[in-house]
Amino acid sequence: EPFTQGEVSKLGGKAKGFLRLTGSLGSPVLKGSISVKNGRFTYEYLKTTYRFNDKIYFSDGEIIVKNFKLIDENDNIAVVKGGVFHDGFKDFIIDMKADMKTFKVLNTTAKDNSLFYGTAVVSGGFGIFGPIDNLNISATVQTNRGTKISIPISSSNTIGKDDYITFVSKTIQQKEKKPIKRSLSGVKLDFNLDITNDALCRIIFDERTGDIIEGYGAGKIKMEVDTKGDFSMFGDYQVQKGSYNFTFLNVVRKSFAVLPGSHITWSGSPYEALLDIKASFRKNTSLLPILNTSSASDANNPAYFRKYPVAVILNLTGNLLLPEIKLGIDIKEEDYPKDPVFLGVMGFLSRVRSDEQELMRQAGSIIILGKLQPEGTFSNVQASSVAGSMGELISGLLNQWLSEVDTNLEIDVNISDIDPDANTSVQTRIGYALLDGRLRASRSDNFGNPNQSAAQSLLGEWMLEYWISKDGTWRIKMYNRNTQNALNNSISTATNTMAGFSLLHTASFNSLKELF
């Protein structure tokens, strides 16, 4: 293991055999063979662990194996030939080839390799050649069930990331997303992949918000990483089944189904891939808002009040980092009765196709609110419904942004219950941790609450907690709370306050004997 310069770890097992050491201290020669039982090692770059029970041969300047059986964690076998060659146990060079069948060759996370990561189970040929500090790893393989590969395109530490879809005019330009420059030196990869439809592929735009395209499909992909860390991809991947997780303001998340026939083509940089993705978000909703139901007979016709499937169609084409985005609305004829709904639906679809602003608004309403809206009346949509939905969005956005200012700071702002026609309040909570988290203070209030007195509004609800023991099993707490009950409410709408002090002890146990 010391000779592998960190490329191999957890090397172990029991060896038995005969070895003869000759030569000089500067250039020792080791000859013989050993049989290894319960052998094991982890290849650090791929994070794969293997077992073996086989024979290893030593001769002048080489350590070789012959039809060596390597076993992965799922008990699948790869037959390995070749060995490690050296000059007096210096200047090590690896030259090994493997024939694999449903064999795990990758088991990494984003922390291990930011270029690509995941699990790869493959059948085919695999080779490693070169000095340990400048390895060439090549493979010509077909993927098998259990393969899950993720390719991060870019990441962001702020909440200001542009979403793919924004419900604004085309005149507002999107900022270009810039891929993060990554480096990986000392290893050259050359993978020829025949991806089958039982392998899951994920393209990650933002892991934190869940902005990901993933799916099952097929294609022939060539992946290369040179010794400078430059990552290249070539080939075409046809999606057969998948999803695109749409995020709005990093708060609302909706899953679009990627439709068959969608594909991604690479011809060099993975960040300059060409998209041709078509995805659909379907929602069962009433068609009544877009239909003309002025007559009395219409008002009693049950066809108008049923819910029918309505789809928002998302088309992403062009450059992966800055695609052209088109939205559409699809209401299929076979999903609703031709009489009396047909003419109204056809008229609506014709109008939104010629009015991009109306199309974007209706699509946004389906995605976020889950329903269609009367045409041309978005300014008159019920304030409670829009304020509630957008309030939830803005609340989540504010809370995330404010908490990023200081990791010890916790701020919750809830404006989702604001009603413009009533004197509702903005609910807030501010907390801070001191002394490595052992002292915690928080204050809550309802700004704008008409039932609060001036003193109550100034003081608010507060709580002070101190962990007497480091593990928090013993704590003391002081608090001030606003209270209301049925008796008080019958006399006055004003909010009363209550202060208190408590000593808390918590313990976990599996039996009463452990408790006492």
Protein backbone atom coordinates (compact mmCIF):
# COMPACT_ATOMS: atom_id res chain seq x y z
CA GLU A 1 0.00 0.00 0.00
CA PRO A 2 2.80 2.58 0.69
CA PHE A 3 4.04 2.11 -2.90
CA THR A 4 0.67 3.03 -4.45
CA GLN A 5 0.89 6.72 -3.45
CA GLY A 6 -2.63 6.72 -2.08
CA GLU A 7 -4.29 5.22 -5.18
CA VAL A 8 -5.03 1.96 -3.33
CA SER A 9 -6.23 1.77 0.27
CA LYS A 10 -7.58 -0.78 2.75
CA LEU A 11 -5.23 -3.39 1.32
CA GLY A 12 -5.40 -6.59 3.34
CA GLY A 13 -5.68 -10.36 3.45
CA LYS A 14 -3.70 -13.43 4.42
CA ALA A 15 -0.80 -14.53 2.22
CA LYS A 16 1.04 -17.85 2.13
CA GLY A 17 3.88 -18.84 -0.17
CA PHE A 18 7.60 -18.78 -0.86
CA LEU A 19 9.53 -15.63 -1.78
CA ARG A 20 13.26 -15.22 -2.30
CA LEU A 21 14.89 -11.82 -1.86
CA THR A 22 18.18 -11.17 -3.66
CA GLY A 23 19.99 -8.21 -5.15
CA SER A 24 21.18 -5.13 -3.30
CA LEU A 25 19.55 -2.68 -0.92
CA GLY A 26 19.34 -0.17 -3.74
CA SER A 27 17.91 -2.66 -6.22
CA PRO A 28 16.27 -5.63 -4.50
CA VAL A 29 14.92 -8.58 -6.50
CA LEU A 30 11.93 -10.54 -5.22
CA LYS A 31 11.02 -13.89 -6.77
CA GLY A 32 8.39 -16.48 -5.98
CA SER A 33 4.64 -16.62 -5.53
CA ILE A 34 2.06 -16.27 -2.81
CA SER A 35 -1.53 -17.42 -2.44
CA VAL A 36 -3.81 -14.80 -0.95
CA LYS A 37 -6.95 -15.61 1.01
CA ASN A 38 -9.58 -13.01 1.88
CA GLY A 39 -7.64 -10.39 -0.03
CA ARG A 40 -9.20 -6.97 -0.41
CA PHE A 41 -8.43 -3.43 -1.52
CA THR A 42 -10.16 -0.17 -2.46
CA TYR A 43 -9.22 1.73 -5.60
CA GLU A 44 -9.48 5.31 -4.37
CA TYR A 45 -10.17 7.12 -7.64
CA LEU A 46 -13.20 4.95 -8.44
CA LYS A 47 -14.06 4.27 -4.75
CA THR A 48 -14.67 0.62 -5.54
CA THR A 49 -13.76 -2.17 -3.13
CA TYR A 50 -12.81 -5.63 -4.37
CA ARG A 51 -12.07 -9.05 -2.87
CA PHE A 52 -9.90 -11.84 -4.20
CA ASN A 53 -8.63 -15.32 -3.38
CA ASP A 54 -5.92 -16.05 -5.90
CA LYS A 55 -2.22 -16.31 -6.62
CA ILE A 56 0.27 -13.46 -7.17
CA TYR A 57 3.61 -14.03 -8.91
CA PHE A 58 6.85 -12.12 -8.21
CA SER A 59 9.85 -11.96 -10.51
CA ASP A 60 12.61 -9.50 -11.33
CA GLY A 61 10.93 -6.11 -11.75
CA GLU A 62 7.34 -7.32 -11.87
CA ILE A 63 4.37 -8.44 -9.82
CA ILE A 64 1.83 -10.16 -12.06
CA VAL A 65 -1.45 -12.06 -12.00
CA LYS A 66 -2.77 -14.69 -14.41
CA ASN A 67 -6.55 -14.98 -14.90
CA PHE A 68 -6.92 -13.35 -11.53
CA LYS A 69 -10.53 -13.31 -10.31
CA LEU A 70 -11.59 -10.01 -8.78
CA ILE A 71 -14.92 -9.96 -6.93
CA ASP A 72 -17.01 -6.81 -6.41
CA GLU A 73 -19.38 -6.11 -3.52
CA ASN A 74 -22.24 -7.80 -5.41
CA ASP A 75 -20.20 -11.00 -5.90
CA ASN A 76 -19.74 -10.40 -9.62
CA ILE A 77 -16.41 -11.39 -11.14
CA ALA A 78 -13.86 -9.69 -13.38
CA VAL A 79 -10.96 -11.72 -14.79
CA VAL A 80 -7.74 -9.68 -14.61
CA LYS A 81 -4.44 -10.16 -16.43
CA GLY A 82 -1.23 -8.14 -16.17
CA GLY A 83 0.55 -6.61 -13.25
CA VAL A 84 2.70 -3.93 -11.68
CA PHE A 85 6.19 -3.37 -13.08
CA HIS A 86 9.01 -1.58 -11.27
CA ASP A 87 12.72 -0.81 -11.18
CA GLY A 88 13.97 -2.07 -7.84
CA PHE A 89 10.62 -1.23 -6.26
CA LYS A 90 10.84 2.29 -7.64
CA ASP A 91 9.12 3.93 -10.63
CA PHE A 92 6.05 1.72 -10.55
CA ILE A 93 4.06 1.22 -13.76
CA ILE A 94 0.69 -0.51 -13.91
CA ASP A 95 -0.41 -2.53 -16.94
CA MET A 96 -3.59 -4.46 -16.27
CA LYS A 97 -6.64 -5.49 -18.29
CA ALA A 98 -9.94 -6.91 -17.11
CA ASP A 99 -12.84 -8.72 -18.72
CA MET A 100 -16.01 -7.87 -16.78
CA LYS A 101 -19.61 -8.99 -16.61
CA THR A 102 -22.14 -6.93 -14.60
CA PHE A 103 -19.17 -5.61 -12.62
CA LYS A 104 -19.14 -2.46 -10.48
CA VAL A 105 -16.44 -0.07 -11.69
CA LEU A 106 -17.58 3.21 -10.13
CA ASN A 107 -18.94 4.11 -6.70
CA THR A 108 -18.26 7.81 -6.19
CA THR A 109 -20.06 10.85 -4.81
CA ALA A 110 -19.87 14.53 -5.73
CA LYS A 111 -17.18 14.98 -3.05
CA ASP A 112 -15.00 12.38 -4.73
CA ASN A 113 -15.22 13.67 -8.30
CA SER A 114 -16.98 16.86 -9.37
CA LEU A 115 -16.69 16.02 -13.09
CA PHE A 116 -19.00 13.02 -12.92
CA TYR A 117 -19.97 10.61 -10.19
CA GLY A 118 -22.33 7.82 -9.28
CA THR A 119 -22.49 4.07 -9.62
CA ALA A 120 -21.54 2.17 -12.76
CA VAL A 121 -22.23 -1.53 -13.31
CA VAL A 122 -20.91 -2.64 -16.69
CA SER A 123 -19.92 -5.52 -18.93
CA GLY A 124 -16.94 -5.30 -21.26
CA GLY A 125 -13.24 -4.52 -21.20
CA PHE A 126 -11.34 -2.30 -18.77
CA GLY A 127 -7.68 -1.33 -18.68
CA ILE A 128 -5.25 0.64 -16.51
CA PHE A 129 -1.83 1.61 -17.81
CA GLY A 130 0.94 3.99 -16.83
CA PRO A 131 2.88 5.26 -13.84
CA ILE A 132 0.85 5.66 -10.69
CA ASP A 133 1.00 9.46 -10.85
CA ASN A 134 -0.01 9.57 -14.54
CA LEU A 135 -2.48 6.76 -15.15
CA ASN A 136 -4.46 6.03 -18.30
CA ILE A 137 -7.81 4.37 -17.55
CA SER A 138 -9.76 3.08 -20.53
CA ALA A 139 -12.98 1.13 -20.92
CA THR A 140 -15.24 -0.11 -23.69
CA VAL A 141 -18.34 -1.26 -21.89
CA GLN A 142 -22.09 -1.62 -21.92
CA THR A 143 -24.07 -0.42 -18.93
CA ASN A 144 -26.15 -2.79 -16.81
CA ARG A 145 -28.96 -2.41 -14.30
CA GLY A 146 -27.84 -0.46 -11.24
CA THR A 147 -25.93 2.19 -13.18
CA LYS A 148 -26.62 5.76 -12.09
CA ILE A 149 -24.35 8.50 -13.46
CA SER A 150 -24.58 12.19 -12.52
CA ILE A 151 -22.95 15.04 -14.46
CA PRO A 152 -22.96 18.40 -12.60
CA ILE A 153 -23.09 21.29 -15.04
CA SER A 154 -22.82 24.17 -12.60
CA SER A 155 -23.52 24.99 -9.00
CA SER A 156 -24.42 28.05 -7.03
CA ASN A 157 -23.96 29.18 -3.45
CA THR A 158 -26.57 31.91 -3.71
CA ILE A 159 -30.30 32.01 -4.24
CA GLY A 160 -29.94 34.31 -7.22
CA LYS A 161 -29.65 31.48 -9.71
CA ASP A 162 -31.65 31.97 -12.88
CA ASP A 163 -34.35 29.40 -13.40
CA TYR A 164 -34.90 28.01 -16.88
CA ILE A 165 -38.45 29.35 -16.94
CA THR A 166 -39.37 32.90 -15.99
CA PHE A 167 -42.82 34.33 -16.53
CA VAL A 168 -41.70 37.64 -18.02
CA SER A 169 -41.48 39.33 -21.40
CA LYS A 170 -38.95 38.09 -23.94
CA THR A 171 -37.25 41.47 -23.81
CA ILE A 172 -35.79 40.65 -20.39
CA GLN A 173 -32.53 38.86 -20.98
CA GLN A 174 -31.36 35.88 -18.96
CA LYS A 175 -27.89 36.02 -17.50
CA GLU A 176 -25.60 33.41 -18.97
CA LYS A 177 -24.80 30.51 -16.69
CA LYS A 178 -21.07 29.89 -16.39
CA PRO A 179 -19.79 26.38 -15.72
CA ILE A 180 -17.44 25.93 -12.82
CA LYS A 181 -13.86 25.27 -13.89
CA ARG A 182 -12.70 22.00 -12.42
CA SER A 183 -9.26 20.45 -12.38
CA LEU A 184 -8.17 16.84 -12.32
CA SER A 185 -4.53 16.14 -13.05
CA GLY A 186 -2.53 12.93 -13.21
CA VAL A 187 -5.30 10.69 -14.56
CA LYS A 188 -6.41 10.28 -18.16
CA LEU A 189 -9.80 8.67 -18.79
CA ASP A 190 -11.06 7.25 -22.05
CA PHE A 191 -14.49 5.65 -21.70
CA ASN A 192 -16.55 4.32 -24.61
CA LEU A 193 -20.00 3.73 -23.19
CA ASP A 194 -22.88 1.86 -24.75
CA ILE A 195 -25.63 3.20 -22.51
CA THR A 196 -28.71 1.00 -22.28
CA ASN A 197 -32.17 1.95 -21.09
CA ASP A 198 -31.68 0.39 -17.65
CA ALA A 199 -29.09 3.03 -16.70
CA LEU A 200 -30.17 6.28 -15.03
CA CYS A 201 -28.41 9.42 -16.28
CA ARG A 202 -28.70 12.76 -14.46
CA ILE A 203 -27.66 16.24 -15.61
CA ILE A 204 -27.52 18.48 -12.55
CA PHE A 205 -27.95 22.23 -12.95
CA ASP A 206 -28.37 22.90 -9.22
CA GLU A 207 -28.36 20.03 -6.72
CA ARG A 208 -29.55 22.27 -3.88
CA THR A 209 -32.76 23.32 -5.58
CA GLY A 210 -33.31 20.00 -7.33
CA ASP A 211 -32.90 21.55 -10.80
CA ILE A 212 -32.12 18.27 -12.56
CA ILE A 213 -32.88 16.48 -15.82
CA GLU A 214 -32.78 12.74 -15.34
CA GLY A 215 -33.96 9.77 -17.29
CA TYR A 216 -33.52 6.36 -18.77
CA GLY A 217 -32.48 6.09 -22.37
CA ALA A 218 -29.90 4.78 -24.78
CA GLY A 219 -26.91 6.06 -26.69
CA LYS A 220 -23.22 5.68 -27.42
CA ILE A 221 -21.15 8.18 -25.44
CA LYS A 222 -17.41 8.77 -25.39
CA MET A 223 -16.07 10.44 -22.23
CA GLU A 224 -12.52 11.76 -22.00
CA VAL A 225 -10.55 13.47 -19.26
CA ASP A 226 -6.97 14.46 -20.07
CA THR A 227 -4.11 14.91 -17.62
CA LYS A 228 -4.87 18.63 -17.36
CA GLY A 229 -8.36 17.87 -16.09
CA ASP A 230 -10.21 18.92 -19.26
CA PHE A 231 -13.44 16.95 -19.60
CA SER A 232 -14.88 16.12 -23.04
CA MET A 233 -17.94 14.19 -24.19
CA PHE A 234 -19.05 12.98 -27.61
CA GLY A 235 -22.20 11.21 -28.73
CA ASP A 236 -25.98 11.32 -28.63
CA TYR A 237 -28.25 10.23 -25.79
CA GLN A 238 -31.89 9.45 -26.57
CA VAL A 239 -34.24 9.78 -23.60
CA GLN A 240 -36.92 7.11 -23.43
CA LYS A 241 -38.35 8.02 -20.03
CA GLY A 242 -37.37 10.77 -17.65
CA SER A 243 -38.20 13.91 -15.71
CA TYR A 244 -37.17 17.54 -15.41
CA ASN A 245 -37.56 19.05 -11.95
CA PHE A 246 -38.70 22.61 -12.61
CA THR A 247 -37.99 25.11 -9.80
CA PHE A 248 -39.61 28.51 -9.45
CA LEU A 249 -37.78 31.02 -7.22
CA ASN A 250 -36.03 27.97 -5.75
CA VAL A 251 -39.18 27.29 -3.71
CA VAL A 252 -41.86 25.73 -5.91
CA ARG A 253 -40.80 22.41 -7.42
CA LYS A 254 -42.78 20.63 -10.11
CA SER A 255 -41.78 17.50 -11.99
CA PHE A 256 -42.14 17.57 -15.78
CA ALA A 257 -42.21 14.23 -17.59
CA VAL A 258 -39.57 14.16 -20.34
CA LEU A 259 -41.22 12.79 -23.46
CA PRO A 260 -39.76 10.02 -25.67
CA GLY A 261 -37.75 11.34 -28.60
CA SER A 262 -35.96 13.95 -26.50
CA HIS A 263 -32.20 13.81 -26.82
CA ILE A 264 -28.93 15.47 -25.81
CA THR A 265 -25.93 15.65 -28.15
CA TRP A 266 -22.32 16.24 -27.10
CA SER A 267 -19.50 17.18 -29.46
CA GLY A 268 -16.77 18.32 -27.07
CA SER A 269 -17.29 20.30 -23.91
CA PRO A 270 -20.06 18.76 -21.77
CA TYR A 271 -21.25 22.32 -21.06
CA GLU A 272 -21.84 23.00 -24.76
CA ALA A 273 -24.17 20.09 -25.39
CA LEU A 274 -27.19 20.65 -27.60
CA LEU A 275 -30.59 20.02 -26.07
CA ASP A 276 -33.73 18.90 -27.80
CA ILE A 277 -35.93 18.21 -24.80
CA LYS A 278 -39.70 18.10 -24.74
CA ALA A 279 -41.37 17.73 -21.35
CA SER A 280 -44.93 17.81 -20.09
CA PHE A 281 -46.59 18.81 -16.81
CA ARG A 282 -50.15 17.48 -16.60
CA LYS A 283 -52.81 18.69 -14.20
CA ASN A 284 -56.47 17.72 -13.93
CA THR A 285 -58.34 20.99 -13.67
CA SER A 286 -61.61 22.64 -14.60
CA LEU A 287 -61.99 24.15 -18.08
CA LEU A 288 -64.77 26.42 -16.85
CA PRO A 289 -62.58 29.58 -16.53
CA ILE A 290 -61.79 29.55 -20.28
CA LEU A 291 -65.29 28.69 -21.53
CA ASN A 292 -68.23 30.95 -22.29
CA THR A 293 -71.06 29.77 -20.02
CA SER A 294 -73.45 32.70 -20.25
CA SER A 295 -76.68 30.74 -20.84
CA ALA A 296 -78.74 29.09 -18.13
CA SER A 297 -78.40 25.67 -19.76
CA ASP A 298 -74.61 25.98 -19.65
CA ALA A 299 -74.71 26.73 -15.93
CA ASN A 300 -76.42 23.38 -15.29
CA ASN A 301 -74.36 21.30 -17.73
CA PRO A 302 -72.09 18.93 -15.74
CA ALA A 303 -69.57 18.81 -18.62
CA TYR A 304 -68.45 22.32 -17.73
CA PHE A 305 -67.71 21.44 -14.12
CA ARG A 306 -65.70 18.26 -14.57
CA LYS A 307 -61.92 18.27 -14.38
CA TYR A 308 -59.97 17.43 -17.53
CA PRO A 309 -56.23 16.83 -18.11
CA VAL A 310 -54.42 20.00 -19.18
CA ALA A 311 -50.72 19.83 -20.08
CA VAL A 312 -48.05 22.52 -20.05
CA ILE A 313 -45.50 21.58 -22.73
CA LEU A 314 -41.92 22.71 -22.19
CA ASN A 315 -39.46 22.71 -25.11
CA LEU A 316 -35.76 23.22 -24.41
CA THR A 317 -33.58 23.51 -27.51
CA GLY A 318 -30.08 24.75 -28.22
CA ASN A 319 -27.10 25.20 -25.92
CA LEU A 320 -27.26 23.36 -22.62
CA LEU A 321 -26.33 26.42 -20.54
CA LEU A 322 -28.55 28.90 -22.35
CA PRO A 323 -31.31 27.05 -24.19
CA GLU A 324 -34.19 28.52 -26.11
CA ILE A 325 -37.33 27.94 -24.07
CA LYS A 326 -40.82 27.64 -25.46
CA LEU A 327 -43.99 26.87 -23.56
CA GLY A 328 -47.26 25.54 -24.84
CA ILE A 329 -50.60 24.38 -23.50
CA ASP A 330 -52.12 21.15 -24.76
CA ILE A 331 -55.70 20.00 -24.17
CA LYS A 332 -56.28 16.87 -26.22
CA GLU A 333 -59.64 16.39 -27.94
CA GLU A 334 -60.03 12.82 -26.71
CA ASP A 335 -59.83 14.02 -23.10
CA TYR A 336 -63.06 16.04 -23.13
CA PRO A 337 -66.52 15.86 -24.76
CA LYS A 338 -66.78 17.61 -28.13
CA ASP A 339 -70.15 19.06 -27.26
CA PRO A 340 -70.33 21.58 -25.70
CA VAL A 341 -66.67 22.05 -24.67
CA PHE A 342 -64.94 21.65 -28.05
CA LEU A 343 -65.47 25.12 -29.53
CA GLY A 344 -64.48 26.88 -26.32
CA VAL A 345 -61.26 24.89 -25.96
CA MET A 346 -60.28 25.36 -29.61
CA GLY A 347 -60.87 29.09 -29.33
CA PHE A 348 -58.80 29.33 -26.15
CA LEU A 349 -55.86 27.40 -27.64
CA SER A 350 -55.93 29.54 -30.77
CA ARG A 351 -55.84 32.75 -28.74
CA VAL A 352 -53.02 31.78 -26.37
CA ARG A 353 -50.87 30.60 -29.28
CA SER A 354 -51.00 34.10 -30.72
CA ASP A 355 -50.61 35.89 -27.36
CA GLU A 356 -47.33 34.90 -25.72
CA GLN A 357 -47.95 36.90 -22.55
CA GLU A 358 -51.31 35.19 -22.01
CA LEU A 359 -49.73 31.82 -22.76
CA MET A 360 -46.98 32.38 -20.18
CA ARG A 361 -49.49 33.51 -17.56
CA GLN A 362 -51.81 30.58 -18.13
CA ALA A 363 -48.88 28.14 -18.07
CA GLY A 364 -47.62 29.73 -14.86
CA SER A 365 -51.06 29.49 -13.30
CA ILE A 366 -51.29 25.77 -14.13
CA ILE A 367 -47.80 25.06 -12.78
CA ILE A 368 -47.99 27.15 -9.61
CA LEU A 369 -51.71 27.40 -8.79
CA GLY A 370 -52.85 24.21 -10.50
CA LYS A 371 -55.65 25.80 -12.52
CA LEU A 372 -56.56 27.88 -15.55
CA GLN A 373 -57.65 31.50 -15.20
CA PRO A 374 -60.23 33.56 -17.13
CA GLU A 375 -58.52 35.16 -20.11
CA GLY A 376 -57.38 38.74 -19.75
CA THR A 377 -58.35 38.95 -16.10
CA PHE A 378 -55.06 38.22 -14.36
CA SER A 379 -55.15 41.60 -12.69
CA ASN A 380 -58.48 40.60 -11.16
CA VAL A 381 -57.54 37.11 -9.97
CA GLN A 382 -58.68 36.60 -6.39
CA ALA A 383 -56.11 38.28 -4.22
CA SER A 384 -56.31 35.66 -1.50
CA SER A 385 -55.34 32.83 -3.84
CA VAL A 386 -52.44 34.65 -5.51
CA ALA A 387 -51.22 36.32 -2.32
CA GLY A 388 -51.24 32.98 -0.54
CA SER A 389 -49.30 31.18 -3.25
CA MET A 390 -46.81 33.96 -3.95
CA GLY A 391 -46.51 34.61 -0.22
CA GLU A 392 -45.28 31.06 0.26
CA LEU A 393 -42.73 31.58 -2.51
CA ILE A 394 -41.42 34.87 -1.14
CA SER A 395 -41.41 33.58 2.44
CA GLY A 396 -39.17 30.67 1.50
CA LEU A 397 -36.90 32.96 -0.51
CA LEU A 398 -36.51 35.48 2.33
CA ASN A 399 -35.91 32.81 4.95
CA GLN A 400 -33.16 31.13 2.92
CA TRP A 401 -31.41 34.39 2.01
CA LEU A 402 -31.47 35.85 5.54
CA SER A 403 -30.22 32.63 7.12
CA GLU A 404 -27.20 32.63 4.78
CA VAL A 405 -26.00 35.92 6.30
CA ASP A 406 -24.85 34.10 9.47
CA THR A 407 -24.93 30.36 10.14
CA ASN A 408 -25.89 31.05 13.77
CA LEU A 409 -28.82 33.19 12.65
CA GLU A 410 -32.27 31.72 12.05
CA ILE A 411 -34.96 33.94 10.53
CA ASP A 412 -38.46 32.85 9.51
CA VAL A 413 -40.77 35.27 7.70
CA ASN A 414 -44.29 34.11 6.83
CA ILE A 415 -46.28 36.40 4.55
CA SER A 416 -48.39 33.63 3.02
CA ASP A 417 -51.45 34.57 5.08
CA ILE A 418 -51.55 38.22 4.04
CA ASP A 419 -55.01 39.32 2.92
CA PRO A 420 -55.08 42.74 1.26
CA ASP A 421 -58.73 43.15 2.28
CA ALA A 422 -58.11 42.48 5.97
CA ASN A 423 -55.74 43.67 8.67
CA THR A 424 -53.57 40.58 8.70
CA SER A 425 -50.05 40.49 10.10
CA VAL A 426 -46.60 39.43 8.97
CA GLN A 427 -45.37 36.58 11.18
CA THR A 428 -41.65 36.68 11.97
CA ARG A 429 -39.24 34.74 14.14
CA ILE A 430 -35.57 35.63 14.77
CA GLY A 431 -33.20 33.26 16.56
CA TYR A 432 -29.49 33.35 17.35
CA ALA A 433 -27.08 30.80 18.86
CA LEU A 434 -24.13 31.75 21.08
CA LEU A 435 -21.42 29.90 23.02
CA ASP A 436 -21.10 27.16 20.38
CA GLY A 437 -24.86 26.74 20.30
CA ARG A 438 -25.39 26.27 24.05
CA LEU A 439 -27.10 29.65 24.53
CA ARG A 440 -30.06 30.26 22.21
CA ALA A 441 -32.28 33.30 22.04
CA SER A 442 -35.32 33.84 19.84
CA ARG A 443 -38.04 36.44 19.37
CA SER A 444 -41.35 36.06 17.51
CA ASP A 445 -43.91 38.68 16.56
CA ASN A 446 -46.90 39.42 14.34
CA PHE A 447 -46.20 42.82 12.83
CA GLY A 448 -49.42 44.66 12.11
CA ASN A 449 -51.57 42.64 14.55
CA PRO A 450 -54.36 45.04 15.62
CA ASN A 451 -54.98 43.07 18.83
CA GLN A 452 -51.50 43.73 20.22
CA SER A 453 -50.84 46.58 22.59
CA ALA A 454 -47.87 48.85 22.04
CA ALA A 455 -45.93 47.14 24.82
CA GLN A 456 -46.70 43.67 23.48
CA SER A 457 -45.68 44.71 19.98
CA LEU A 458 -42.39 46.08 21.29
CA LEU A 459 -41.62 43.11 23.54
CA GLY A 460 -43.06 40.33 21.38
CA GLU A 461 -42.73 36.67 22.23
CA TRP A 462 -39.24 35.67 23.32
CA MET A 463 -37.40 32.62 24.58
CA LEU A 464 -33.97 32.22 26.19
CA GLU A 465 -32.52 28.72 26.55
CA TYR A 466 -29.18 27.55 27.97
CA TRP A 467 -27.75 24.04 27.79
CA ILE A 468 -26.31 23.28 31.23
CA SER A 469 -24.74 20.08 29.92
CA LYS A 470 -22.88 20.01 26.61
CA ASP A 471 -25.14 17.28 25.21
CA GLY A 472 -28.29 19.28 26.02
CA THR A 473 -29.80 16.73 28.39
CA TRP A 474 -30.04 19.44 31.09
CA ARG A 475 -31.42 22.84 30.10
CA ILE A 476 -32.93 25.94 31.63
CA LYS A 477 -35.44 28.05 29.75
CA MET A 478 -37.08 31.46 30.24
CA TYR A 479 -39.89 32.68 28.01
CA ASN A 480 -42.59 35.26 27.41
CA ARG A 481 -45.66 34.23 25.35
CA ASN A 482 -48.84 35.82 24.10
CA THR A 483 -51.91 33.84 25.12
CA GLN A 484 -55.56 33.79 24.19
CA ASN A 485 -58.40 31.66 25.51
CA ALA A 486 -62.16 31.46 25.12
CA LEU A 487 -62.87 33.39 28.34
CA ASN A 488 -60.51 36.22 27.47
CA ASN A 489 -61.83 36.41 23.91
CA SER A 490 -65.39 36.82 25.15
CA ILE A 491 -64.35 39.83 27.23
CA SER A 492 -61.70 41.44 25.03
CA THR A 493 -59.88 40.80 21.76
CA ALA A 494 -56.59 42.00 23.26
CA THR A 495 -53.75 39.50 23.59
CA ASN A 496 -52.46 38.69 27.10
CA THR A 497 -48.88 37.77 27.96
CA MET A 498 -47.47 35.01 30.14
CA ALA A 499 -43.88 34.68 31.39
CA GLY A 500 -42.27 31.54 32.74
CA PHE A 501 -39.17 29.64 33.77
CA SER A 502 -38.44 25.94 33.44
CA LEU A 503 -35.76 23.35 34.10
CA LEU A 504 -35.70 20.52 31.56
CA HIS A 505 -34.04 17.11 31.58
CA THR A 506 -34.24 14.68 28.68
CA ALA A 507 -33.02 11.09 28.51
CA SER A 508 -33.38 8.22 26.08
CA PHE A 509 -33.70 4.66 27.29
CA ASN A 510 -34.74 1.21 26.14
CA SER A 511 -35.84 -0.07 29.56
CA LEU A 512 -36.78 1.33 32.97
CA LYS A 513 -33.53 -0.07 34.41
CA GLU A 514 -31.53 2.23 32.15
CA LEU A 515 -33.59 5.22 33.31
CA PHE A 516 -33.03 4.60 37.03
